[in-house]
Every structure is written in C-alpha cells, then in structure tokens.
Amino acid sequence: MKMKFGWLDVLMIILFLLSVYFILTRIFGHSASDLTITISLFGFLAVGLYALNREIGEFKIRTIHSFDNISKDMNLIKKKLKIKG
C-alpha cells in the first residue's frame, strides 16, 4: 500500500521542523524570539487541528454511508425472506 503525502502533510512537517529549530536556537543562545517560537508552534497546531478535523469529517461520512448500506442490506434480506416489519 502506497502512502500519499499531500500538501497539508508537507506543511505540517515543515512547521514542526521549524518549531524544533527555533526552540533549539533559543536554548543554545542564538536568540530566536519568543514570538517566533509561539507563531511557529501555533501554526503547527493549527495545521494539525485542521487535518484532524478533515479526517474526523471523512470518518463521519463513511460511517453514515456504511449504516445506510447496512439498512439497505437488511431490507433486502427481509424482502427475500418475506418478513414483515
């Protein structure tokens, strides 16, 4: 199974690496500002939440369609078995 990386995944990886870089420069004295670190972390979190929200939405839609298919199958079984209800 091949994994596909979308632009959202690439952006999330870049923001994560950038955040780590800024934190390390702050620790070792090259003085990345607190604002820079905060913006990069919030950017990373925002992209992560957006991606998670999309995944949850897709899961919800697939679940609804699955239950619709189960309902159709149950009705078909009832018809074939001639069960009322």
Protein backbone atom coordinates (compact mmCIF):
# COMPACT_ATOMS: atom_id res chain seq x y z
CA MET A 1 0.00 0.00 0.00
CA LYS A 2 1.47 3.31 -1.07
CA MET A 3 1.28 6.30 1.20
CA LYS A 4 0.42 9.60 -0.41
CA PHE A 5 1.65 12.82 1.11
CA GLY A 6 -0.49 15.84 0.43
CA TRP A 7 0.43 19.47 0.72
CA LEU A 8 -1.07 19.56 4.21
CA ASP A 9 1.27 16.81 5.41
CA VAL A 10 4.30 18.57 3.94
CA LEU A 11 3.28 21.87 5.53
CA MET A 12 2.82 20.18 8.89
CA ILE A 13 6.28 18.56 8.73
CA ILE A 14 7.92 21.85 7.74
CA LEU A 15 6.22 23.74 10.57
CA PHE A 16 7.19 21.05 13.07
CA LEU A 17 10.84 21.11 12.00
CA LEU A 18 10.84 24.90 12.03
CA SER A 19 9.41 24.93 15.56
CA VAL A 20 12.05 22.48 16.77
CA TYR A 21 14.77 24.57 15.14
CA PHE A 22 13.52 27.77 16.79
CA ILE A 23 13.31 26.10 20.20
CA LEU A 24 16.84 24.73 19.87
CA THR A 25 18.23 28.10 18.83
CA ARG A 26 16.51 29.65 21.87
CA ILE A 27 18.04 27.03 24.18
CA PHE A 28 21.57 27.32 22.80
CA GLY A 29 21.65 31.11 22.80
CA HIS A 30 21.22 32.18 19.18
CA SER A 31 18.14 34.02 20.36
CA ALA A 32 15.05 33.08 18.44
CA SER A 33 12.41 35.36 19.89
CA ASP A 34 9.53 34.09 21.96
CA LEU A 35 7.12 35.50 19.39
CA THR A 36 8.79 33.50 16.61
CA ILE A 37 8.58 30.30 18.63
CA THR A 38 4.95 30.96 19.58
CA ILE A 39 3.89 31.70 15.99
CA SER A 40 5.60 28.58 14.64
CA LEU A 41 4.04 26.37 17.34
CA PHE A 42 0.57 27.82 16.82
CA GLY A 43 0.97 27.38 13.06
CA PHE A 44 1.93 23.73 13.56
CA LEU A 45 -1.01 23.15 15.91
CA ALA A 46 -3.47 24.92 13.60
CA VAL A 47 -2.45 22.78 10.62
CA GLY A 48 -2.63 19.67 12.79
CA LEU A 49 -6.11 20.51 14.04
CA TYR A 50 -7.29 21.30 10.51
CA ALA A 51 -6.01 17.94 9.26
CA LEU A 52 -7.58 16.15 12.22
CA ASN A 53 -10.90 17.91 11.63
CA ARG A 54 -10.90 16.79 7.99
CA GLU A 55 -10.14 13.20 8.99
CA ILE A 56 -12.96 13.19 11.55
CA GLY A 57 -15.37 14.58 8.96
CA GLU A 58 -14.42 11.93 6.43
CA PHE A 59 -14.78 9.20 9.08
CA LYS A 60 -18.23 10.52 9.99
CA ILE A 61 -19.39 10.48 6.37
CA ARG A 62 -18.03 6.95 5.77
CA THR A 63 -19.77 5.75 8.92
CA ILE A 64 -23.11 7.22 7.86
CA HIS A 65 -22.81 5.61 4.41
CA SER A 66 -21.93 2.28 5.99
CA PHE A 67 -25.05 2.33 8.16
CA ASP A 68 -27.13 3.26 5.10
CA ASN A 69 -25.70 0.24 3.29
CA ILE A 70 -26.48 -1.99 6.29
CA SER A 71 -30.07 -0.71 6.29
CA LYS A 72 -30.43 -1.46 2.58
CA ASP A 73 -29.00 -4.95 3.08
CA MET A 74 -31.38 -5.64 5.98
CA ASN A 75 -34.35 -4.54 3.87
CA LEU A 76 -33.20 -6.77 1.03
CA ILE A 77 -32.89 -9.75 3.39
CA LYS A 78 -36.36 -9.05 4.78
CA LYS A 79 -37.79 -8.96 1.24
CA LYS A 80 -36.12 -12.22 0.29
CA LEU A 81 -37.28 -13.91 3.48
CA LYS A 82 -40.69 -12.24 3.20
CA ILE A 83 -40.55 -10.88 6.74
CA LYS A 84 -42.94 -8.09 7.66
CA GLY A 85 -41.70 -5.14 9.65
